[in-house]
Amino acid sequence: MSAPGPDRDAGLQPERTRLAWRRTTLACSVVAVLALRQALRGSGSPVELAGAAVIALIWLAFLWVAHRRIRELAAGRPGPLALRAALAAVACTTALAVFAMTVIL
């Protein structure tokens, strides 16, 4: 195995990826806010409040994964996205969509 070389010029690829993560985070935030708004529109029952809390926790988990990846991309030689981080992002996105649909219906 070769020794790590100096920082490479990766061009604009890390910047594009960082911007993609930010756009995805913005989209996730909009979905979370709309789902929370819909969940809290009713009578304020414990079920509605629990649903709102779950939506907020899923959103926070996605923000944590995205922020971590954005920080990693700022390095001179960013590594690939870890499998656990990828699975966490997919799980958060899927769970948020499911809970949002549940609240709407």
Protein backbone atom coordinates (compact mmCIF):
# COMPACT_ATOMS: atom_id res chain seq x y z
CA MET A 1 0.00 0.00 0.00
CA SER A 2 1.37 3.42 -0.90
CA ALA A 3 1.87 6.23 1.53
CA PRO A 4 -0.72 9.00 1.42
CA GLY A 5 0.35 11.76 -0.94
CA PRO A 6 -0.20 15.47 -0.66
CA ASP A 7 -3.69 16.87 -0.85
CA ARG A 8 -5.00 16.43 -4.34
CA ASP A 9 -6.85 18.99 -6.35
CA ALA A 10 -10.28 17.42 -6.48
CA GLY A 11 -11.71 20.25 -8.53
CA LEU A 12 -15.26 21.20 -7.80
CA GLN A 13 -16.58 17.71 -7.02
CA PRO A 14 -16.42 18.05 -3.21
CA GLU A 15 -18.08 21.46 -3.43
CA ARG A 16 -20.89 20.08 -5.62
CA THR A 17 -21.40 17.20 -3.20
CA ARG A 18 -21.45 19.59 -0.23
CA LEU A 19 -24.07 21.72 -2.00
CA ALA A 20 -26.12 18.60 -2.79
CA TRP A 21 -26.12 17.66 0.90
CA ARG A 22 -27.25 21.19 1.77
CA ARG A 23 -30.08 21.07 -0.78
CA THR A 24 -31.16 17.69 0.55
CA THR A 25 -31.08 19.04 4.11
CA LEU A 26 -33.23 21.99 3.03
CA ALA A 27 -35.76 19.69 1.36
CA CYS A 28 -35.84 17.45 4.44
CA SER A 29 -36.40 20.51 6.63
CA VAL A 30 -39.33 21.68 4.50
CA VAL A 31 -40.96 18.24 4.65
CA ALA A 32 -40.43 18.10 8.43
CA VAL A 33 -41.93 21.55 8.97
CA LEU A 34 -44.96 20.76 6.81
CA ALA A 35 -45.48 17.44 8.58
CA LEU A 36 -45.15 19.09 11.99
CA ARG A 37 -47.59 21.79 11.00
CA GLN A 38 -50.11 19.18 9.91
CA ALA A 39 -49.52 17.05 13.02
CA LEU A 40 -50.07 19.95 15.39
CA ARG A 41 -53.13 21.28 13.60
CA GLY A 42 -55.54 19.00 15.39
CA SER A 43 -56.70 18.86 18.98
CA GLY A 44 -53.24 18.43 20.50
CA SER A 45 -53.90 14.87 21.60
CA PRO A 46 -51.02 12.78 22.97
CA VAL A 47 -50.92 10.77 19.74
CA GLU A 48 -50.49 13.94 17.68
CA LEU A 49 -47.81 15.23 20.01
CA ALA A 50 -45.99 11.89 19.90
CA GLY A 51 -46.12 11.96 16.09
CA ALA A 52 -44.72 15.48 16.07
CA ALA A 53 -41.93 14.42 18.43
CA VAL A 54 -41.02 11.46 16.20
CA ILE A 55 -40.93 13.71 13.13
CA ALA A 56 -38.68 16.17 14.97
CA LEU A 57 -36.33 13.40 16.11
CA ILE A 58 -36.06 11.96 12.60
CA TRP A 59 -35.31 15.43 11.24
CA LEU A 60 -32.62 16.00 13.87
CA ALA A 61 -31.02 12.64 13.09
CA PHE A 62 -30.89 13.50 9.39
CA LEU A 63 -29.38 16.91 10.17
CA TRP A 64 -26.70 15.21 12.25
CA VAL A 65 -25.79 12.79 9.43
CA ALA A 66 -25.78 15.55 6.79
CA HIS A 67 -23.75 17.99 8.90
CA ARG A 68 -21.18 15.31 9.61
CA ARG A 69 -20.81 14.53 5.91
CA ILE A 70 -20.55 18.21 4.98
CA ARG A 71 -17.72 18.61 7.51
CA GLU A 72 -15.95 15.52 6.12
CA LEU A 73 -16.13 16.95 2.60
CA ALA A 74 -14.24 20.05 3.74
CA ALA A 75 -11.08 17.93 4.16
CA GLY A 76 -8.40 17.91 1.48
CA ARG A 77 -9.04 14.25 0.72
CA PRO A 78 -12.57 13.37 1.78
CA GLY A 79 -13.20 9.69 2.16
CA PRO A 80 -16.21 7.85 0.80
CA LEU A 81 -19.50 8.01 2.62
CA ALA A 82 -19.55 5.34 5.30
CA LEU A 83 -22.13 2.59 4.90
CA ARG A 84 -23.65 3.35 8.31
CA ALA A 85 -24.05 7.03 7.43
CA ALA A 86 -25.63 6.15 4.08
CA LEU A 87 -28.06 3.74 5.73
CA ALA A 88 -28.89 6.31 8.42
CA ALA A 89 -29.64 8.97 5.77
CA VAL A 90 -31.85 6.55 3.82
CA ALA A 91 -33.63 5.43 6.99
CA CYS A 92 -34.27 9.01 8.11
CA THR A 93 -35.57 10.05 4.70
CA THR A 94 -37.84 7.03 4.40
CA ALA A 95 -39.12 7.33 7.97
CA LEU A 96 -39.81 11.04 7.55
CA ALA A 97 -41.76 10.38 4.35
CA VAL A 98 -43.77 7.60 6.01
CA PHE A 99 -44.58 9.69 9.09
CA ALA A 100 -45.45 12.70 6.93
CA MET A 101 -47.83 10.61 4.86
CA THR A 102 -49.35 9.12 8.02
CA VAL A 103 -49.98 12.59 9.42
CA ILE A 104 -51.49 13.85 6.17
CA LEU A 105 -53.82 10.87 5.78
